[in-house]
Amino acid sequence: MVAVLLAGQAARVAEADRRQAALLATVSHDLRAPLAAAKAAVSRLRAGDARLTTDDRADLLAAAEESLDRLAHLAASLLDVSRCCGHPARAARGYGRPGGTRRIRAA
């Protein structure tokens, strides 16, 4: 009986670990994409390429700003999730309940 209970618990822990690893992989990718785009735009601006027109510079700045805005939204969403999932007292105040959930912003 004890062995069956332990096996069930081990299976639940393994599944939780698998889900955590999948979430981490997704979050890592979602954070890297806008960061790489912003870095590329800023690097091109800093390179001092004399062939860049004023419009080119404006486009690069807009691309960097858009990417950084997306990154900020992702970071805010992650903080919202960590607050609701990491603190039982906060969960009791409405996080994670129907009608009391906070909407996580999609970037």
PDB file of N, CA and C in Angstrom:
ATOM      1  N   MET A   1       0.810  -1.189   0.000  1.00  0.00           N
ATOM      2  CA  MET A   1       0.000   0.000   0.000  1.00  0.00           C
ATOM      3  C   MET A   1       0.862   1.266   0.000  1.00  0.00           C
ATOM      4  N   VAL A   2       1.871   1.261   0.872  1.00  0.00           N
ATOM      5  CA  VAL A   2       2.769   2.417   0.952  1.00  0.00           C
ATOM      6  C   VAL A   2       3.521   2.584  -0.362  1.00  0.00           C
ATOM      7  N   ALA A   3       3.930   1.477  -0.955  1.00  0.00           N
ATOM      8  CA  ALA A   3       4.670   1.547  -2.221  1.00  0.00           C
ATOM      9  C   ALA A   3       3.809   2.154  -3.318  1.00  0.00           C
ATOM     10  N   VAL A   4       2.528   1.833  -3.338  1.00  0.00           N
ATOM     11  CA  VAL A   4       1.615   2.390  -4.343  1.00  0.00           C
ATOM     12  C   VAL A   4       1.458   3.890  -4.134  1.00  0.00           C
ATOM     13  N   LEU A   5       1.317   4.314  -2.890  1.00  0.00           N
ATOM     14  CA  LEU A   5       1.201   5.738  -2.592  1.00  0.00           C
ATOM     15  C   LEU A   5       2.466   6.499  -2.981  1.00  0.00           C
ATOM     16  N   LEU A   6       3.613   5.916  -2.682  1.00  0.00           N
ATOM     17  CA  LEU A   6       4.884   6.560  -3.037  1.00  0.00           C
ATOM     18  C   LEU A   6       5.066   6.626  -4.547  1.00  0.00           C
ATOM     19  N   ALA A   7       4.664   5.572  -5.243  1.00  0.00           N
ATOM     20  CA  ALA A   7       4.769   5.573  -6.702  1.00  0.00           C
ATOM     21  C   ALA A   7       3.877   6.651  -7.302  1.00  0.00           C
ATOM     22  N   GLY A   8       2.675   6.804  -6.754  1.00  0.00           N
ATOM     23  CA  GLY A   8       1.772   7.850  -7.235  1.00  0.00           C
ATOM     24  C   GLY A   8       2.326   9.234  -6.973  1.00  0.00           C
ATOM     25  N   GLN A   9       2.909   9.407  -5.798  1.00  0.00           N
ATOM     26  CA  GLN A   9       3.503  10.699  -5.458  1.00  0.00           C
ATOM     27  C   GLN A   9       4.701  10.992  -6.363  1.00  0.00           C
ATOM     28  N   ALA A  10       5.514   9.989  -6.624  1.00  0.00           N
ATOM     29  CA  ALA A  10       6.670  10.164  -7.503  1.00  0.00           C
ATOM     30  C   ALA A  10       6.224  10.535  -8.913  1.00  0.00           C
ATOM     31  N   ALA A  11       5.141   9.930  -9.387  1.00  0.00           N
ATOM     32  CA  ALA A  11       4.625  10.243 -10.716  1.00  0.00           C
ATOM     33  C   ALA A  11       4.131  11.687 -10.773  1.00  0.00           C
ATOM     34  N   ARG A  12       3.464  12.144  -9.714  1.00  0.00           N
ATOM     35  CA  ARG A  12       2.995  13.540  -9.676  1.00  0.00           C
ATOM     36  C   ARG A  12       4.164  14.522  -9.644  1.00  0.00           C
ATOM     37  N   VAL A  13       5.184  14.198  -8.896  1.00  0.00           N
ATOM     38  CA  VAL A  13       6.372  15.060  -8.832  1.00  0.00           C
ATOM     39  C   VAL A  13       7.065  15.102 -10.197  1.00  0.00           C
ATOM     40  N   ALA A  14       7.183  13.970 -10.845  1.00  0.00           N
ATOM     41  CA  ALA A  14       7.814  13.914 -12.172  1.00  0.00           C
ATOM     42  C   ALA A  14       7.016  14.735 -13.177  1.00  0.00           C
ATOM     43  N   GLU A  15       5.698  14.653 -13.121  1.00  0.00           N
ATOM     44  CA  GLU A  15       4.846  15.435 -14.029  1.00  0.00           C
ATOM     45  C   GLU A  15       4.990  16.929 -13.744  1.00  0.00           C
ATOM     46  N   ALA A  16       5.036  17.299 -12.488  1.00  0.00           N
ATOM     47  CA  ALA A  16       5.230  18.711 -12.137  1.00  0.00           C
ATOM     48  C   ALA A  16       6.584  19.214 -12.636  1.00  0.00           C
ATOM     49  N   ASP A  17       7.611  18.385 -12.502  1.00  0.00           N
ATOM     50  CA  ASP A  17       8.944  18.760 -13.003  1.00  0.00           C
ATOM     51  C   ASP A  17       8.928  18.931 -14.520  1.00  0.00           C
ATOM     52  N   ARG A  18       8.220  18.033 -15.215  1.00  0.00           N
ATOM     53  CA  ARG A  18       8.137  18.119 -16.672  1.00  0.00           C
ATOM     54  C   ARG A  18       7.428  19.402 -17.094  1.00  0.00           C
ATOM     55  N   ARG A  19       6.332  19.711 -16.415  1.00  0.00           N
ATOM     56  CA  ARG A  19       5.598  20.938 -16.739  1.00  0.00           C
ATOM     57  C   ARG A  19       6.423  22.184 -16.452  1.00  0.00           C
ATOM     58  N   GLN A  20       7.153  22.167 -15.348  1.00  0.00           N
ATOM     59  CA  GLN A  20       7.996  23.305 -15.004  1.00  0.00           C
ATOM     60  C   GLN A  20       9.083  23.507 -16.053  1.00  0.00           C
ATOM     61  N   ALA A  21       9.693  22.418 -16.503  1.00  0.00           N
ATOM     62  CA  ALA A  21      10.731  22.515 -17.534  1.00  0.00           C
ATOM     63  C   ALA A  21      10.154  23.044 -18.842  1.00  0.00           C
ATOM     64  N   ALA A  22       8.955  22.595 -19.212  1.00  0.00           N
ATOM     65  CA  ALA A  22       8.316  23.078 -20.437  1.00  0.00           C
ATOM     66  C   ALA A  22       7.985  24.564 -20.326  1.00  0.00           C
ATOM     67  N   LEU A  23       7.483  24.983 -19.183  1.00  0.00           N
ATOM     68  CA  LEU A  23       7.170  26.394 -18.975  1.00  0.00           C
ATOM     69  C   LEU A  23       8.434  27.245 -19.043  1.00  0.00           C
ATOM     70  N   LEU A  24       9.486  26.786 -18.413  1.00  0.00           N
ATOM     71  CA  LEU A  24      10.748  27.528 -18.428  1.00  0.00           C
ATOM     72  C   LEU A  24      11.292  27.667 -19.846  1.00  0.00           C
ATOM     73  N   ALA A  25      11.187  26.613 -20.638  1.00  0.00           N
ATOM     74  CA  ALA A  25      11.655  26.670 -22.032  1.00  0.00           C
ATOM     75  C   ALA A  25      10.842  27.686 -22.827  1.00  0.00           C
ATOM     76  N   THR A  26       9.528  27.693 -22.626  1.00  0.00           N
ATOM     77  CA  THR A  26       8.660  28.637 -23.337  1.00  0.00           C
ATOM     78  C   THR A  26       8.951  30.068 -22.917  1.00  0.00           C
ATOM     79  N   VAL A  27       9.054  30.290 -21.623  1.00  0.00           N
ATOM     80  CA  VAL A  27       9.323  31.634 -21.111  1.00  0.00           C
ATOM     81  C   VAL A  27      10.689  32.122 -21.599  1.00  0.00           C
ATOM     82  N   SER A  28      11.675  31.244 -21.587  1.00  0.00           N
ATOM     83  CA  SER A  28      13.012  31.629 -22.058  1.00  0.00           C
ATOM     84  C   SER A  28      12.966  32.095 -23.503  1.00  0.00           C
ATOM     85  N   HIS A  29      12.256  31.351 -24.339  1.00  0.00           N
ATOM     86  CA  HIS A  29      12.144  31.735 -25.751  1.00  0.00           C
ATOM     87  C   HIS A  29      11.402  33.060 -25.892  1.00  0.00           C
ATOM     88  N   ASP A  30      10.286  33.198 -25.161  1.00  0.00           N
ATOM     89  CA  ASP A  30       9.487  34.417 -25.259  1.00  0.00           C
ATOM     90  C   ASP A  30      10.245  35.651 -24.774  1.00  0.00           C
ATOM     91  N   LEU A  31      11.172  35.473 -23.863  1.00  0.00           N
ATOM     92  CA  LEU A  31      11.982  36.596 -23.398  1.00  0.00           C
ATOM     93  C   LEU A  31      13.130  36.901 -24.350  1.00  0.00           C
ATOM     94  N   ARG A  32      13.720  35.853 -24.921  1.00  0.00           N
ATOM     95  CA  ARG A  32      14.874  36.063 -25.807  1.00  0.00           C
ATOM     96  C   ARG A  32      14.519  36.769 -27.096  1.00  0.00           C
ATOM     97  N   ALA A  33      13.347  36.461 -27.672  1.00  0.00           N
ATOM     98  CA  ALA A  33      12.989  37.027 -28.977  1.00  0.00           C
ATOM     99  C   ALA A  33      12.944  38.559 -28.964  1.00  0.00           C
ATOM    100  N   PRO A  34      12.182  39.204 -28.069  1.00  0.00           N
ATOM    101  CA  PRO A  34      12.181  40.669 -28.096  1.00  0.00           C
ATOM    102  C   PRO A  34      13.502  41.270 -27.637  1.00  0.00           C
ATOM    103  N   LEU A  35      14.206  40.597 -26.764  1.00  0.00           N
ATOM    104  CA  LEU A  35      15.497  41.095 -26.318  1.00  0.00           C
ATOM    105  C   LEU A  35      16.494  41.102 -27.475  1.00  0.00           C
ATOM    106  N   ALA A  36      16.500  40.031 -28.255  1.00  0.00           N
ATOM    107  CA  ALA A  36      17.411  39.958 -29.409  1.00  0.00           C
ATOM    108  C   ALA A  36      17.070  41.016 -30.452  1.00  0.00           C
ATOM    109  N   ALA A  37      15.772  41.242 -30.687  1.00  0.00           N
ATOM    110  CA  ALA A  37      15.367  42.250 -31.674  1.00  0.00           C
ATOM    111  C   ALA A  37      15.775  43.650 -31.227  1.00  0.00           C
ATOM    112  N   ALA A  38      15.564  43.956 -29.958  1.00  0.00           N
ATOM    113  CA  ALA A  38      15.947  45.278 -29.446  1.00  0.00           C
ATOM    114  C   ALA A  38      17.456  45.459 -29.504  1.00  0.00           C
ATOM    115  N   LYS A  39      18.194  44.433 -29.112  1.00  0.00           N
ATOM    116  CA  LYS A  39      19.657  44.516 -29.140  1.00  0.00           C
ATOM    117  C   LYS A  39      20.162  44.727 -30.561  1.00  0.00           C
ATOM    118  N   ALA A  40      19.592  44.019 -31.520  1.00  0.00           N
ATOM    119  CA  ALA A  40      20.017  44.166 -32.917  1.00  0.00           C
ATOM    120  C   ALA A  40      19.766  45.587 -33.408  1.00  0.00           C
ATOM    121  N   ALA A  41      18.599  46.147 -33.083  1.00  0.00           N
ATOM    122  CA  ALA A  41      18.288  47.511 -33.517  1.00  0.00           C
ATOM    123  C   ALA A  41      19.238  48.524 -32.890  1.00  0.00           C
ATOM    124  N   VAL A  42      19.476  48.398 -31.604  1.00  0.00           N
ATOM    125  CA  VAL A  42      20.374  49.337 -30.911  1.00  0.00           C
ATOM    126  C   VAL A  42      21.808  49.173 -31.410  1.00  0.00           C
ATOM    127  N   SER A  43      22.238  47.949 -31.629  1.00  0.00           N
ATOM    128  CA  SER A  43      23.600  47.712 -32.128  1.00  0.00           C
ATOM    129  C   SER A  43      23.803  48.352 -33.495  1.00  0.00           C
ATOM    130  N   ARG A  44      22.789  48.238 -34.344  1.00  0.00           N
ATOM    131  CA  ARG A  44      22.909  48.847 -35.676  1.00  0.00           C
ATOM    132  C   ARG A  44      22.982  50.363 -35.560  1.00  0.00           C
ATOM    133  N   LEU A  45      22.206  50.931 -34.645  1.00  0.00           N
ATOM    134  CA  LEU A  45      22.255  52.383 -34.448  1.00  0.00           C
ATOM    135  C   LEU A  45      23.617  52.827 -33.914  1.00  0.00           C
ATOM    136  N   ARG A  46      24.159  52.057 -33.001  1.00  0.00           N
ATOM    137  CA  ARG A  46      25.453  52.420 -32.401  1.00  0.00           C
ATOM    138  C   ARG A  46      26.625  52.206 -33.350  1.00  0.00           C
ATOM    139  N   ALA A  47      26.443  51.404 -34.369  1.00  0.00           N
ATOM    140  CA  ALA A  47      27.536  51.113 -35.295  1.00  0.00           C
ATOM    141  C   ALA A  47      27.979  52.352 -36.063  1.00  0.00           C
ATOM    142  N   GLY A  48      27.129  53.367 -36.091  1.00  0.00           N
ATOM    143  CA  GLY A  48      27.512  54.604 -36.759  1.00  0.00           C
ATOM    144  C   GLY A  48      27.527  54.490 -38.269  1.00  0.00           C
ATOM    145  N   ASP A  49      26.676  53.663 -38.800  1.00  0.00           N
ATOM    146  CA  ASP A  49      26.591  53.481 -40.253  1.00  0.00           C
ATOM    147  C   ASP A  49      26.101  54.775 -40.887  1.00  0.00           C
ATOM    148  N   ALA A  50      26.949  55.407 -41.663  1.00  0.00           N
ATOM    149  CA  ALA A  50      26.623  56.691 -42.290  1.00  0.00           C
ATOM    150  C   ALA A  50      25.535  56.541 -43.348  1.00  0.00           C
ATOM    151  N   ARG A  51      25.300  55.307 -43.806  1.00  0.00           N
ATOM    152  CA  ARG A  51      24.285  55.088 -44.839  1.00  0.00           C
ATOM    153  C   ARG A  51      22.865  55.070 -44.276  1.00  0.00           C
ATOM    154  N   LEU A  52      22.735  55.057 -42.956  1.00  0.00           N
ATOM    155  CA  LEU A  52      21.394  55.064 -42.362  1.00  0.00           C
ATOM    156  C   LEU A  52      20.759  56.438 -42.534  1.00  0.00           C
ATOM    157  N   THR A  53      19.585  56.440 -43.093  1.00  0.00           N
ATOM    158  CA  THR A  53      18.854  57.698 -43.242  1.00  0.00           C
ATOM    159  C   THR A  53      18.129  58.000 -41.932  1.00  0.00           C
ATOM    160  N   THR A  54      17.567  59.181 -41.865  1.00  0.00           N
ATOM    161  CA  THR A  54      16.774  59.556 -40.696  1.00  0.00           C
ATOM    162  C   THR A  54      15.602  58.601 -40.530  1.00  0.00           C
ATOM    163  N   ASP A  55      14.986  58.217 -41.645  1.00  0.00           N
ATOM    164  CA  ASP A  55      13.871  57.266 -41.584  1.00  0.00           C
ATOM    165  C   ASP A  55      14.342  55.888 -41.098  1.00  0.00           C
ATOM    166  N   ASP A  56      15.540  55.471 -41.552  1.00  0.00           N
ATOM    167  CA  ASP A  56      16.089  54.190 -41.092  1.00  0.00           C
ATOM    168  C   ASP A  56      16.296  54.214 -39.581  1.00  0.00           C
ATOM    169  N   ARG A  57      16.850  55.308 -39.100  1.00  0.00           N
ATOM    170  CA  ARG A  57      17.084  55.437 -37.658  1.00  0.00           C
ATOM    171  C   ARG A  57      15.760  55.432 -36.884  1.00  0.00           C
ATOM    172  N   ALA A  58      14.776  56.127 -37.408  1.00  0.00           N
ATOM    173  CA  ALA A  58      13.460  56.151 -36.755  1.00  0.00           C
ATOM    174  C   ALA A  58      12.848  54.752 -36.725  1.00  0.00           C
ATOM    175  N   ASP A  59      12.998  54.004 -37.821  1.00  0.00           N
ATOM    176  CA  ASP A  59      12.478  52.631 -37.871  1.00  0.00           C
ATOM    177  C   ASP A  59      13.179  51.730 -36.862  1.00  0.00           C
ATOM    178  N   LEU A  60      14.492  51.868 -36.762  1.00  0.00           N
ATOM    179  CA  LEU A  60      15.240  51.056 -35.800  1.00  0.00           C
ATOM    180  C   LEU A  60      14.853  51.399 -34.363  1.00  0.00           C
ATOM    181  N   LEU A  61      14.691  52.685 -34.076  1.00  0.00           N
ATOM    182  CA  LEU A  61      14.259  53.092 -32.739  1.00  0.00           C
ATOM    183  C   LEU A  61      12.852  52.572 -32.429  1.00  0.00           C
ATOM    184  N   ALA A  62      11.966  52.622 -33.419  1.00  0.00           N
ATOM    185  CA  ALA A  62      10.602  52.111 -33.220  1.00  0.00           C
ATOM    186  C   ALA A  62      10.623  50.604 -32.977  1.00  0.00           C
ATOM    187  N   ALA A  63      11.459  49.890 -33.711  1.00  0.00           N
ATOM    188  CA  ALA A  63      11.569  48.433 -33.526  1.00  0.00           C
ATOM    189  C   ALA A  63      12.107  48.106 -32.135  1.00  0.00           C
ATOM    190  N   ALA A  64      13.105  48.853 -31.699  1.00  0.00           N
ATOM    191  CA  ALA A  64      13.661  48.633 -30.359  1.00  0.00           C
ATOM    192  C   ALA A  64      12.614  48.929 -29.298  1.00  0.00           C
ATOM    193  N   GLU A  65      11.888  50.036 -29.460  1.00  0.00           N
ATOM    194  CA  GLU A  65      10.864  50.397 -28.478  1.00  0.00           C
ATOM    195  C   GLU A  65       9.756  49.344 -28.420  1.00  0.00           C
ATOM    196  N   GLU A  66       9.312  48.875 -29.572  1.00  0.00           N
ATOM    197  CA  GLU A  66       8.260  47.855 -29.618  1.00  0.00           C
ATOM    198  C   GLU A  66       8.727  46.566 -28.932  1.00  0.00           C
ATOM    199  N   SER A  67       9.954  46.172 -29.214  1.00  0.00           N
ATOM    200  CA  SER A  67      10.496  44.954 -28.602  1.00  0.00           C
ATOM    201  C   SER A  67      10.635  45.106 -27.094  1.00  0.00           C
ATOM    202  N   LEU A  68      11.094  46.258 -26.651  1.00  0.00           N
ATOM    203  CA  LEU A  68      11.242  46.493 -25.213  1.00  0.00           C
ATOM    204  C   LEU A  68       9.883  46.591 -24.516  1.00  0.00           C
ATOM    205  N   ASP A  69       8.887  47.143 -25.198  1.00  0.00           N
ATOM    206  CA  ASP A  69       7.532  47.159 -24.640  1.00  0.00           C
ATOM    207  C   ASP A  69       7.017  45.728 -24.466  1.00  0.00           C
ATOM    208  N   ARG A  70       7.261  44.881 -25.468  1.00  0.00           N
ATOM    209  CA  ARG A  70       6.828  43.486 -25.379  1.00  0.00           C
ATOM    210  C   ARG A  70       7.537  42.789 -24.215  1.00  0.00           C
ATOM    211  N   LEU A  71       8.817  43.050 -24.090  1.00  0.00           N
ATOM    212  CA  LEU A  71       9.589  42.465 -22.994  1.00  0.00           C
ATOM    213  C   LEU A  71       9.053  42.935 -21.638  1.00  0.00           C
ATOM    214  N   ALA A  72       8.700  44.198 -21.529  1.00  0.00           N
ATOM    215  CA  ALA A  72       8.147  44.732 -20.280  1.00  0.00           C
ATOM    216  C   ALA A  72       6.807  44.071 -19.954  1.00  0.00           C
ATOM    217  N   HIS A  73       5.968  43.866 -20.962  1.00  0.00           N
ATOM    218  CA  HIS A  73       4.681  43.191 -20.736  1.00  0.00           C
ATOM    219  C   HIS A  73       4.892  41.753 -20.281  1.00  0.00           C
ATOM    220  N   LEU A  74       5.839  41.067 -20.897  1.00  0.00           N
ATOM    221  CA  LEU A  74       6.129  39.684 -20.494  1.00  0.00           C
ATOM    222  C   LEU A  74       6.634  39.636 -19.052  1.00  0.00           C
ATOM    223  N   ALA A  75       7.516  40.561 -18.707  1.00  0.00           N
ATOM    224  CA  ALA A  75       8.047  40.591 -17.344  1.00  0.00           C
ATOM    225  C   ALA A  75       6.927  40.877 -16.341  1.00  0.00           C
ATOM    226  N   ALA A  76       6.034  41.803 -16.666  1.00  0.00           N
ATOM    227  CA  ALA A  76       4.918  42.112 -15.772  1.00  0.00           C
ATOM    228  C   ALA A  76       4.002  40.901 -15.609  1.00  0.00           C
ATOM    229  N   SER A  77       3.757  40.192 -16.696  1.00  0.00           N
ATOM    230  CA  SER A  77       2.917  38.997 -16.625  1.00  0.00           C
ATOM    231  C   SER A  77       3.568  37.923 -15.771  1.00  0.00           C
ATOM    232  N   LEU A  78       4.859  37.741 -15.926  1.00  0.00           N
ATOM    233  CA  LEU A  78       5.568  36.756 -15.109  1.00  0.00           C
ATOM    234  C   LEU A  78       5.515  37.128 -13.630  1.00  0.00           C
ATOM    235  N   LEU A  79       5.652  38.408 -13.339  1.00  0.00           N
ATOM    236  CA  LEU A  79       5.555  38.848 -11.946  1.00  0.00           C
ATOM    237  C   LEU A  79       4.153  38.605 -11.389  1.00  0.00           C
ATOM    238  N   ASP A  80       3.131  38.851 -12.209  1.00  0.00           N
ATOM    239  CA  ASP A  80       1.757  38.571 -11.776  1.00  0.00           C
ATOM    240  C   ASP A  80       1.586  37.092 -11.453  1.00  0.00           C
ATOM    241  N   VAL A  81       2.104  36.231 -12.319  1.00  0.00           N
ATOM    242  CA  VAL A  81       1.989  34.789 -12.102  1.00  0.00           C
ATOM    243  C   VAL A  81       2.754  34.385 -10.849  1.00  0.00           C
ATOM    244  N   SER A  82       3.952  34.914 -10.679  1.00  0.00           N
ATOM    245  CA  SER A  82       4.746  34.530  -9.507  1.00  0.00           C
ATOM    246  C   SER A  82       4.084  35.003  -8.216  1.00  0.00           C
ATOM    247  N   ARG A  83       3.428  36.142  -8.262  1.00  0.00           N
ATOM    248  CA  ARG A  83       2.734  36.638  -7.074  1.00  0.00           C
ATOM    249  C   ARG A  83       1.564  35.738  -6.706  1.00  0.00           C
ATOM    250  N   CYS A  84       0.791  35.328  -7.701  1.00  0.00           N
ATOM    251  CA  CYS A  84      -0.389  34.528  -7.385  1.00  0.00           C
ATOM    252  C   CYS A  84      -0.014  33.088  -7.047  1.00  0.00           C
ATOM    253  N   CYS A  85       1.009  32.565  -7.658  1.00  0.00           N
ATOM    254  CA  CYS A  85       1.371  31.162  -7.445  1.00  0.00           C
ATOM    255  C   CYS A  85       2.327  30.972  -6.280  1.00  0.00           C
ATOM    256  N   GLY A  86       3.051  31.988  -5.927  1.00  0.00           N
ATOM    257  CA  GLY A  86       4.069  31.840  -4.901  1.00  0.00           C
ATOM    258  C   GLY A  86       3.629  32.178  -3.498  1.00  0.00           C
ATOM    259  N   HIS A  87       2.445  32.772  -3.352  1.00  0.00           N
ATOM    260  CA  HIS A  87       2.017  33.227  -2.040  1.00  0.00           C
ATOM    261  C   HIS A  87       0.581  32.807  -1.775  1.00  0.00           C
ATOM    262  N   PRO A  88       0.363  31.793  -0.932  1.00  0.00           N
ATOM    263  CA  PRO A  88      -0.996  31.339  -0.645  1.00  0.00           C
ATOM    264  C   PRO A  88      -1.907  32.449  -0.122  1.00  0.00           C
ATOM    265  N   ALA A  89      -1.370  33.397   0.623  1.00  0.00           N
ATOM    266  CA  ALA A  89      -2.203  34.482   1.150  1.00  0.00           C
ATOM    267  C   ALA A  89      -2.752  35.339   0.021  1.00  0.00           C
ATOM    268  N   ARG A  90      -1.955  35.571  -1.002  1.00  0.00           N
ATOM    269  CA  ARG A  90      -2.437  36.351  -2.145  1.00  0.00           C
ATOM    270  C   ARG A  90      -3.467  35.562  -2.930  1.00  0.00           C
ATOM    271  N   ALA A  91      -3.270  34.258  -3.045  1.00  0.00           N
ATOM    272  CA  ALA A  91      -4.243  33.428  -3.750  1.00  0.00           C
ATOM    273  C   ALA A  91      -5.592  33.497  -3.050  1.00  0.00           C
ATOM    274  N   ALA A  92      -5.581  33.585  -1.729  1.00  0.00           N
ATOM    275  CA  ALA A  92      -6.828  33.659  -0.973  1.00  0.00           C
ATOM    276  C   ALA A  92      -7.553  34.979  -1.199  1.00  0.00           C
ATOM    277  N   ARG A  93      -6.837  35.999  -1.674  1.00  0.00           N
ATOM    278  CA  ARG A  93      -7.455  37.306  -1.908  1.00  0.00           C
ATOM    279  C   ARG A  93      -8.033  37.439  -3.307  1.00  0.00           C
ATOM    280  N   GLY A  94      -8.080  36.348  -4.060  1.00  0.00           N
ATOM    281  CA  GLY A  94      -8.753  36.436  -5.351  1.00  0.00           C
ATOM    282  C   GLY A  94      -7.954  35.974  -6.534  1.00  0.00           C
ATOM    283  N   TYR A  95      -6.656  35.814  -6.394  1.00  0.00           N
ATOM    284  CA  TYR A  95      -5.869  35.329  -7.513  1.00  0.00           C
ATOM    285  C   TYR A  95      -6.228  33.863  -7.748  1.00  0.00           C
ATOM    286  N   GLY A  96      -6.396  33.517  -8.995  1.00  0.00           N
ATOM    287  CA  GLY A  96      -6.622  32.127  -9.328  1.00  0.00           C
ATOM    288  C   GLY A  96      -8.031  31.634  -9.095  1.00  0.00           C
ATOM    289  N   ARG A  97      -8.962  32.532  -8.796  1.00  0.00           N
ATOM    290  CA  ARG A  97     -10.352  32.138  -8.595  1.00  0.00           C
ATOM    291  C   ARG A  97     -11.208  32.717  -9.706  1.00  0.00           C
ATOM    292  N   PRO A  98     -12.249  31.975 -10.118  1.00  0.00           N
ATOM    293  CA  PRO A  98     -13.171  32.538 -11.108  1.00  0.00           C
ATOM    294  C   PRO A  98     -13.737  33.856 -10.586  1.00  0.00           C
ATOM    295  N   GLY A  99     -13.731  34.859 -11.432  1.00  0.00           N
ATOM    296  CA  GLY A  99     -14.245  36.161 -11.029  1.00  0.00           C
ATOM    297  C   GLY A  99     -13.233  36.998 -10.265  1.00  0.00           C
ATOM    298  N   GLY A 100     -12.157  36.385  -9.798  1.00  0.00           N
ATOM    299  CA  GLY A 100     -11.167  37.125  -9.038  1.00  0.00           C
ATOM    300  C   GLY A 100      -9.795  37.069  -9.670  1.00  0.00           C
ATOM    301  N   THR A 101      -9.708  36.468 -10.830  1.00  0.00           N
ATOM    302  CA  THR A 101      -8.410  36.332 -11.476  1.00  0.00           C
ATOM    303  C   THR A 101      -7.999  37.636 -12.119  1.00  0.00           C
ATOM    304  N   ARG A 102      -6.718  37.843 -12.184  1.00  0.00           N
ATOM    305  CA  ARG A 102      -6.170  38.986 -12.904  1.00  0.00           C
ATOM    306  C   ARG A 102      -5.818  38.504 -14.286  1.00  0.00           C
ATOM    307  N   ARG A 103      -6.146  39.264 -15.270  1.00  0.00           N
ATOM    308  CA  ARG A 103      -5.861  38.875 -16.642  1.00  0.00           C
ATOM    309  C   ARG A 103      -4.395  39.124 -16.933  1.00  0.00           C
ATOM    310  N   ILE A 104      -3.739  38.094 -17.412  1.00  0.00           N
ATOM    311  CA  ILE A 104      -2.326  38.225 -17.777  1.00  0.00           C
ATOM    312  C   ILE A 104      -2.273  38.770 -19.179  1.00  0.00           C
ATOM    313  N   ARG A 105      -1.547  39.850 -19.335  1.00  0.00           N
ATOM    314  CA  ARG A 105      -1.467  40.516 -20.631  1.00  0.00           C
ATOM    315  C   ARG A 105      -0.705  39.675 -21.632  1.00  0.00           C
ATOM    316  N   ALA A 106      -1.277  39.514 -22.781  1.00  0.00           N
ATOM    317  CA  ALA A 106      -0.573  38.836 -23.870  1.00  0.00           C
ATOM    318  C   ALA A 106       0.237  39.867 -24.614  1.00  0.00           C
ATOM    319  N   ALA A 107       1.458  39.540 -24.879  1.00  0.00           N
ATOM    320  CA  ALA A 107       2.316  40.501 -25.576  1.00  0.00           C
ATOM    321  C   ALA A 107       2.369  40.181 -27.039  1.00  0.00           C
TER     322      ALA A 107
END
